[in-house]
Protein backbone atom coordinates (compact mmCIF):
# COMPACT_ATOMS: atom_id res chain seq x y z
CA UNK A 1 -126.96 -5.58 -97.88
CA UNK A 2 -124.13 -4.71 -95.58
CA UNK A 3 -126.29 -3.02 -92.95
CA UNK A 4 -127.64 -6.49 -92.07
CA UNK A 5 -124.15 -7.88 -91.50
CA UNK A 6 -124.23 -7.91 -87.67
CA UNK A 7 -127.55 -9.77 -87.79
CA UNK A 8 -126.42 -12.24 -90.45
CA UNK A 9 -123.21 -13.08 -88.61
CA UNK A 10 -125.00 -13.54 -85.29
CA UNK A 11 -127.84 -15.56 -86.83
CA UNK A 12 -125.45 -17.91 -88.62
CA UNK A 13 -123.61 -18.56 -85.36
CA UNK A 14 -126.91 -19.30 -83.61
CA UNK A 15 -128.07 -21.55 -86.45
CA UNK A 16 -124.78 -23.46 -86.53
CA UNK A 17 -124.85 -23.87 -82.76
CA UNK A 18 -128.39 -25.28 -82.92
CA UNK A 19 -127.51 -27.67 -85.74
CA UNK A 20 -124.35 -28.89 -83.97
CA UNK A 21 -126.36 -29.51 -80.83
CA UNK A 22 -128.89 -31.62 -82.81
CA UNK A 23 -126.50 -33.81 -84.84
CA UNK A 24 -126.61 -31.41 -87.79
CA UNK A 25 -130.27 -31.99 -88.55
CA UNK A 26 -132.19 -29.12 -90.08
CA UNK A 27 -133.80 -27.15 -87.23
CA UNK A 28 -137.55 -26.71 -86.98
CA UNK A 29 -139.02 -23.34 -87.94
CA UNK A 30 -140.02 -22.70 -84.34
CA UNK A 31 -136.44 -23.30 -83.23
CA UNK A 32 -135.17 -20.93 -85.91
CA UNK A 33 -137.66 -18.30 -84.80
CA UNK A 34 -136.18 -18.30 -81.31
CA UNK A 35 -132.68 -18.10 -82.80
CA UNK A 36 -133.74 -15.15 -84.99
CA UNK A 37 -135.07 -13.39 -81.90
CA UNK A 38 -131.82 -13.98 -80.04
CA UNK A 39 -129.74 -12.83 -83.03
CA UNK A 40 -131.81 -9.65 -83.34
CA UNK A 41 -131.37 -8.85 -79.66
CA UNK A 42 -127.62 -9.32 -79.92
CA UNK A 43 -127.14 -7.46 -83.20
CA UNK A 44 -129.43 -4.47 -82.62
CA UNK A 45 -127.23 -2.84 -80.02
CA UNK A 46 -126.28 0.82 -80.01
CA UNK A 47 -122.65 0.16 -80.94
CA UNK A 48 -123.66 -1.95 -83.97
CA UNK A 49 -126.18 0.62 -85.17
CA UNK A 50 -123.68 3.47 -84.79
CA UNK A 51 -121.06 1.39 -86.58
CA UNK A 52 -123.38 0.87 -89.56
CA UNK A 53 -124.03 4.63 -89.70
CA UNK A 54 -120.26 5.23 -89.83
CA UNK A 55 -119.76 2.59 -92.54
CA UNK A 56 -122.31 4.29 -94.78
CA UNK A 57 -121.10 7.80 -93.94
CA UNK A 58 -124.41 8.80 -92.39
CA UNK A 59 -124.29 11.08 -89.38
CA UNK A 60 -127.33 11.35 -87.11
CA UNK A 61 -128.82 14.83 -87.00
CA UNK A 62 -127.91 17.05 -84.09
CA UNK A 63 -131.27 18.52 -83.06
CA UNK A 64 -129.70 21.47 -81.21
CA UNK A 65 -127.59 22.43 -84.24
CA UNK A 66 -130.59 22.13 -86.54
CA UNK A 67 -132.67 24.47 -84.34
CA UNK A 68 -129.78 26.96 -84.07
CA UNK A 69 -129.24 27.04 -87.84
CA UNK A 70 -132.80 26.73 -89.15
CA UNK A 71 -134.99 27.70 -86.20
CA UNK A 72 -137.78 25.73 -84.61
CA UNK A 73 -140.63 24.40 -86.72
């Protein structure tokens, strides 16, 4: 799905970098796990998350506006 795009792009770059560094041999699972971790750290940034919200047309709730319009719980 498109909300995973920042992760997929970053992970593919990390995977390709690892393979190029190792003469294009398939990386070990442990190596891929570290690359997944690095890709997640790079892709789960505020600007990427906000961008995905905008792409899908989802706006985060404004708590103050909700309380003003509907009252506290």
